[in-house]
Amino acid sequence: MKTNCKIAVSTIAICGLGSYATFAAPGSGSSPPDRIPASPSGIMTASPTIVQTGSKPTLKWNILYPSKVSDVATINPPGTLYLTKPMFVSVQPVGTGITSSNPAQGATPLNTEARMSVNGESYKQLFYGTQPDVDSSYSLYIKKLPANTTIDFGGRYVQDGVWSPFYTTQSSNQQVVSLVNGDTPPTHFPLGQSPSLASYLKPYLDASGKVKIGPLSVLVLMELGNVDHAHDTFDYQDQVLLVTLSSKHSNNGHGNNLDGVDSSNPGKGSGGPNGAIDPSGGVDDERK
C-alpha cells in the first residue's frame, strides 16, 4: 500500500508555520498594506513525496525569522541611526503642527523644515511647509546606503522671517528622538492619552501609548518650540518623520532619484528659505 504524503506535508507547512500580521502605513491612502512576518514562517518539504508504508521520508525546513531594526541598524541616543548592513532608506513625512507663539497671530501654523545628514555631511532639506503640505504616501528620500552609514535628522521653523534654533538627533537636550516599535515617547506625561495628541500621530501609537509601526521602521519625533521637558507642550509633535529600512525597493513612480532627492517632494520645496532643488529632477531612475 502506498501513501501520498505530499498533501499532508504541504498542509503542515502552511498551517504550522505561516503567520503574518498586516500593517497599513497610516495616511498612505490607497497604498497596499505591507505583509510583515509576526512570527517565524517558512516551508517544509519531504523527499521522496510518495513513500511505502513504514518508510520515513526526509523532511527539510526552510524558516524565515522576522527582521527588526536592531538586526540591520543601531540607534545611538538620542536618535542617530547607524546602519550595520546595506539598506534602502526611505523617509516619509507624518505631520507638522507648530503654531505661532505670538498672541497677535493666534494659532497660525508656521512653516517647518525637516533636514537630513548622512555621514556627518551638511544637512539637506527634505521638507518645508505646514500640515496641508504633508502627503505621507510620498517619500521625501529613498536611497540605498552602505553599512557603517550614519544618518541624522533635524528640524526648525520660521516665524516672521526668522529661523528658530535648529535641533537634531545629535542634540544633547533630546529635542529630536528616534523610536522603534514598542517604544514609549519620552514625554513627562502619557502622550497617547493626551487630549492634544495630533491626529497625524494617533495612528502611530497603540492604546497604551507605545509606538506602533513596522518592525523595520523608525519614528523620528521633534520638539521645536519648547525646551522645558517638564512642560505639557513639550510633546514631540512639531515635526514627525517615518524612516523605513528595506533590502529591496520597488519603483513607486514618484520620481525618487538615486541622489536621494525626490523631484516630486510634497511641501513647498525650493519655495522655503534655503530650499533644495533636485539636481536630477527630470530623471526617474528608481528602477536601477
Protein backbone atom coordinates (compact mmCIF):
# COMPACT_ATOMS: atom_id res chain seq x y z
CA MET A 1 0.00 0.00 0.00
CA LYS A 2 1.30 3.44 -0.93
CA THR A 3 0.54 6.63 0.96
CA ASN A 4 0.82 10.05 -0.67
CA CYS A 5 2.38 12.35 1.96
CA LYS A 6 2.67 15.40 -0.25
CA ILE A 7 -0.69 16.90 0.72
CA ALA A 8 -0.14 16.30 4.42
CA VAL A 9 3.31 17.88 4.36
CA SER A 10 2.10 20.95 2.48
CA THR A 11 -0.74 21.42 4.93
CA ILE A 12 1.62 21.29 7.89
CA ALA A 13 3.94 23.79 6.26
CA ILE A 14 1.22 26.31 5.66
CA CYS A 15 -0.77 25.96 8.85
CA GLY A 16 2.07 25.31 11.27
CA LEU A 17 4.47 27.99 10.10
CA GLY A 18 2.63 30.65 8.18
CA SER A 19 1.73 33.54 10.49
CA TYR A 20 1.52 37.12 9.25
CA ALA A 21 0.36 40.46 10.56
CA THR A 22 -0.83 43.13 8.15
CA PHE A 23 0.40 46.69 8.66
CA ALA A 24 -1.05 49.52 6.61
CA ALA A 25 1.03 52.67 6.53
CA PRO A 26 -1.07 55.32 8.32
CA GLY A 27 -2.06 58.10 5.99
CA SER A 28 -0.90 56.14 2.95
CA GLY A 29 -4.18 56.49 1.09
CA SER A 30 -4.67 53.66 -1.35
CA SER A 31 -1.20 52.20 -0.89
CA PRO A 32 -1.32 48.43 -0.30
CA PRO A 33 -0.52 47.22 3.21
CA ASP A 34 2.79 45.54 3.95
CA ARG A 35 2.80 41.85 4.88
CA ILE A 36 5.25 41.52 7.74
CA PRO A 37 6.01 38.19 9.43
CA ALA A 38 4.74 38.36 13.01
CA SER A 39 6.39 35.04 13.87
CA PRO A 40 8.74 32.60 12.12
CA SER A 41 7.35 31.45 8.77
CA GLY A 42 8.57 29.06 6.13
CA ILE A 43 8.15 25.91 4.07
CA MET A 44 8.60 22.23 4.85
CA THR A 45 9.39 19.75 2.06
CA ALA A 46 9.60 15.96 2.01
CA SER A 47 11.76 13.69 -0.11
CA PRO A 48 10.50 11.47 -1.55
CA THR A 49 6.95 12.78 -1.63
CA ILE A 50 5.48 9.28 -2.12
CA VAL A 51 6.70 6.52 0.20
CA GLN A 52 5.85 2.94 1.14
CA THR A 53 4.03 2.28 4.41
CA GLY A 54 6.60 2.10 7.19
CA SER A 55 9.18 4.14 5.28
CA LYS A 56 10.36 7.51 6.56
CA PRO A 57 10.74 10.49 4.21
CA THR A 58 13.41 13.12 4.78
CA LEU A 59 11.88 16.41 5.92
CA LYS A 60 13.56 19.75 5.30
CA TRP A 61 12.57 23.04 6.91
CA ASN A 62 13.22 26.50 5.50
CA ILE A 63 12.38 29.03 8.20
CA LEU A 64 12.26 32.80 7.77
CA TYR A 65 12.58 34.73 11.01
CA PRO A 66 11.05 38.21 11.18
CA SER A 67 13.51 41.10 10.99
CA LYS A 68 13.66 44.12 13.25
CA VAL A 69 15.60 47.37 13.25
CA SER A 70 18.28 46.01 15.60
CA ASP A 71 19.10 43.33 13.00
CA VAL A 72 20.26 45.91 10.46
CA ALA A 73 20.95 49.11 12.41
CA THR A 74 21.53 50.63 15.82
CA ILE A 75 20.19 53.87 17.27
CA ASN A 76 22.71 55.98 19.15
CA PRO A 77 20.75 58.15 21.64
CA PRO A 78 19.00 60.37 21.27
CA GLY A 79 18.45 59.42 17.64
CA THR A 80 21.41 58.91 15.30
CA LEU A 81 20.74 55.92 13.03
CA TYR A 82 23.76 53.71 12.28
CA LEU A 83 23.40 51.06 9.56
CA THR A 84 25.13 47.76 10.25
CA LYS A 85 24.04 46.34 6.88
CA PRO A 86 23.48 47.88 3.42
CA MET A 87 19.85 49.01 3.30
CA PHE A 88 17.43 51.12 1.31
CA VAL A 89 16.47 54.07 3.50
CA SER A 90 13.09 55.68 2.87
CA VAL A 91 11.86 58.81 4.69
CA GLN A 92 8.19 59.81 4.70
CA PRO A 93 6.53 62.85 6.29
CA VAL A 94 3.97 62.12 9.02
CA GLY A 95 2.98 65.57 10.20
CA THR A 96 3.91 69.00 11.47
CA GLY A 97 1.94 71.06 13.96
CA ILE A 98 3.82 74.02 15.36
CA THR A 99 1.86 77.28 15.60
CA SER A 100 2.75 80.90 16.23
CA SER A 101 3.78 81.92 19.75
CA ASN A 102 2.73 85.48 19.01
CA PRO A 103 -0.67 86.15 20.67
CA ALA A 104 -1.47 88.69 17.95
CA GLN A 105 -1.22 85.97 15.31
CA GLY A 106 -3.31 83.40 17.14
CA ALA A 107 -2.80 79.71 16.40
CA THR A 108 -1.34 80.36 12.96
CA PRO A 109 0.52 77.31 11.54
CA LEU A 110 4.19 78.01 10.93
CA ASN A 111 6.32 76.56 8.16
CA THR A 112 8.61 73.87 9.48
CA GLU A 113 11.65 72.36 7.86
CA ALA A 114 12.97 68.81 8.11
CA ARG A 115 16.61 68.12 7.21
CA MET A 116 18.79 65.04 6.93
CA SER A 117 22.53 64.45 7.21
CA VAL A 118 24.41 61.34 6.00
CA ASN A 119 27.83 60.51 7.46
CA GLY A 120 28.20 63.90 9.10
CA GLU A 121 27.79 65.88 5.89
CA SER A 122 25.82 69.12 5.80
CA TYR A 123 22.10 68.81 6.47
CA LYS A 124 19.95 68.81 3.34
CA GLN A 125 16.32 69.87 3.22
CA LEU A 126 13.69 67.14 3.00
CA PHE A 127 10.53 69.12 3.68
CA TYR A 128 9.36 72.70 4.08
CA GLY A 129 5.75 73.64 4.73
CA THR A 130 2.75 73.21 7.02
CA GLN A 131 0.43 70.26 7.66
CA PRO A 132 -1.64 70.73 4.44
CA ASP A 133 1.61 70.22 2.52
CA VAL A 134 2.21 66.80 4.11
CA ASP A 135 1.44 63.74 2.00
CA SER A 136 2.61 60.65 3.84
CA SER A 137 2.14 58.45 0.77
CA TYR A 138 5.19 60.14 -0.80
CA SER A 139 8.78 59.53 0.18
CA LEU A 140 10.98 62.53 0.78
CA TYR A 141 14.11 60.43 0.38
CA ILE A 142 14.86 56.96 -0.98
CA LYS A 143 18.40 55.69 -1.41
CA LYS A 144 20.43 52.54 -0.83
CA LEU A 145 23.13 53.29 1.71
CA PRO A 146 26.08 51.06 2.63
CA ALA A 147 26.84 49.53 6.00
CA ASN A 148 28.55 51.80 8.55
CA THR A 149 26.49 54.78 7.37
CA THR A 150 25.29 57.26 10.00
CA ILE A 151 22.03 59.15 9.47
CA ASP A 152 20.83 62.18 11.42
CA PHE A 153 17.67 64.27 11.20
CA GLY A 154 16.92 67.80 12.30
CA GLY A 155 14.19 70.40 12.23
CA ARG A 156 13.32 74.04 12.75
CA TYR A 157 10.56 76.50 11.90
CA VAL A 158 10.41 80.06 10.63
CA GLN A 159 8.41 82.91 12.18
CA ASP A 160 8.36 86.50 10.94
CA GLY A 161 11.18 85.62 8.56
CA VAL A 162 13.47 84.37 11.33
CA TRP A 163 14.57 80.76 11.82
CA SER A 164 14.16 79.08 15.19
CA PRO A 165 17.12 77.14 16.67
CA PHE A 166 17.99 74.01 14.66
CA TYR A 167 17.65 70.81 16.70
CA THR A 168 18.91 67.42 15.54
CA THR A 169 19.19 63.78 16.59
CA GLN A 170 22.62 64.73 17.92
CA SER A 171 21.30 67.47 20.23
CA SER A 172 22.06 66.57 23.84
CA ASN A 173 18.81 68.13 25.07
CA GLN A 174 16.80 65.39 23.31
CA GLN A 175 14.66 67.74 21.24
CA VAL A 176 14.72 65.11 18.49
CA VAL A 177 14.39 61.38 19.26
CA SER A 178 14.24 58.20 17.17
CA LEU A 179 11.91 55.44 18.37
CA VAL A 180 11.16 51.90 17.21
CA ASN A 181 8.10 49.71 17.55
CA GLY A 182 7.13 49.26 21.21
CA ASP A 183 8.99 52.35 22.50
CA THR A 184 7.20 54.99 24.56
CA PRO A 185 7.64 58.68 23.63
CA PRO A 186 9.77 60.29 26.39
CA THR A 187 7.28 62.93 27.49
CA HIS A 188 6.68 63.52 31.21
CA PHE A 189 3.00 62.68 30.67
CA PRO A 190 1.29 59.83 28.72
CA LEU A 191 1.33 61.27 25.22
CA GLY A 192 -1.04 58.60 23.90
CA GLN A 193 -3.76 59.77 26.30
CA SER A 194 -3.20 63.49 25.83
CA PRO A 195 -6.21 65.48 24.58
CA SER A 196 -3.77 67.48 22.46
CA LEU A 197 -2.43 64.41 20.66
CA ALA A 198 -2.25 65.35 16.98
CA SER A 199 -4.47 63.39 14.60
CA TYR A 200 -1.50 62.58 12.37
CA LEU A 201 0.36 60.92 15.26
CA LYS A 202 -2.55 58.89 16.67
CA PRO A 203 -2.25 56.01 14.14
CA TYR A 204 1.38 55.53 15.18
CA LEU A 205 0.59 54.89 18.87
CA ASP A 206 -1.30 51.96 20.35
CA ALA A 207 -3.87 52.05 23.17
CA SER A 208 -1.11 52.07 25.80
CA GLY A 209 0.72 54.95 24.13
CA LYS A 210 3.58 52.87 22.73
CA VAL A 211 4.91 53.37 19.21
CA LYS A 212 3.05 51.15 16.72
CA ILE A 213 5.00 50.88 13.46
CA GLY A 214 6.53 48.16 11.31
CA PRO A 215 9.48 46.16 12.69
CA LEU A 216 11.91 47.79 10.23
CA SER A 217 10.70 51.35 10.74
CA VAL A 218 11.88 54.23 12.93
CA LEU A 219 9.65 57.10 14.10
CA VAL A 220 11.51 60.43 14.39
CA LEU A 221 9.79 62.88 16.76
CA MET A 222 10.81 66.53 17.06
CA GLU A 223 10.03 69.17 19.68
CA LEU A 224 10.99 72.50 18.12
CA GLY A 225 9.10 75.15 20.06
CA ASN A 226 9.80 74.32 23.72
CA VAL A 227 12.97 73.43 25.65
CA ASP A 228 11.27 72.75 29.01
CA HIS A 229 10.84 68.96 29.19
CA ALA A 230 8.51 69.32 32.18
CA HIS A 231 6.01 71.49 30.29
CA ASP A 232 2.83 69.95 28.89
CA THR A 233 3.56 71.45 25.46
CA PHE A 234 6.81 69.51 25.21
CA ASP A 235 5.11 66.75 23.24
CA TYR A 236 7.36 65.87 20.26
CA GLN A 237 4.68 66.72 17.68
CA ASP A 238 6.21 69.71 15.91
CA GLN A 239 7.74 67.57 13.15
CA VAL A 240 7.33 63.82 12.70
CA LEU A 241 9.06 61.58 10.14
CA LEU A 242 8.83 57.85 9.42
CA VAL A 243 12.04 56.12 8.35
CA THR A 244 11.76 52.66 6.80
CA LEU A 245 14.64 50.26 6.15
CA SER A 246 14.41 47.56 3.50
CA SER A 247 16.65 45.29 1.44
CA LYS A 248 14.66 45.97 -1.73
CA HIS A 249 12.96 48.99 -3.20
CA SER A 250 10.39 48.98 -6.00
CA ASN A 251 9.55 51.91 -8.25
CA ASN A 252 6.58 53.91 -6.95
CA GLY A 253 6.55 56.26 -9.94
CA HIS A 254 7.13 59.37 -7.88
CA GLY A 255 10.45 60.28 -9.45
CA ASN A 256 12.64 59.43 -6.47
CA ASN A 257 16.20 59.55 -7.69
CA LEU A 258 19.31 57.73 -6.58
CA ASP A 259 20.73 61.02 -5.35
CA GLY A 260 18.13 60.72 -2.60
CA VAL A 261 16.19 63.84 -3.60
CA ASP A 262 12.64 63.43 -4.83
CA SER A 263 11.63 65.70 -7.71
CA SER A 264 8.00 65.41 -6.58
CA ASN A 265 8.56 66.05 -2.88
CA PRO A 266 5.45 67.22 -1.08
CA GLY A 267 5.71 70.56 0.63
CA LYS A 268 6.91 73.84 -0.76
CA GLY A 269 10.33 72.50 -1.70
CA SER A 270 12.55 75.24 -3.06
CA GLY A 271 9.98 77.85 -2.02
CA GLY A 272 11.27 77.77 1.55
CA PRO A 273 14.35 79.50 2.91
CA ASN A 274 17.47 77.63 1.83
CA GLY A 275 15.27 75.23 -0.16
CA ALA A 276 16.85 72.35 -2.03
CA ILE A 277 16.38 71.74 -5.75
CA ASP A 278 16.63 68.22 -7.13
CA PRO A 279 19.71 68.19 -9.43
CA SER A 280 18.25 65.28 -11.41
CA GLY A 281 14.59 66.18 -11.11
CA GLY A 282 13.67 65.12 -14.63
CA VAL A 283 15.02 61.61 -14.27
CA ASP A 284 13.21 58.73 -12.61
CA ASP A 285 15.97 56.21 -12.02
CA GLU A 286 14.36 54.19 -9.23
CA ARG A 287 14.37 51.06 -11.39
CA LYS A 288 18.14 50.98 -11.11
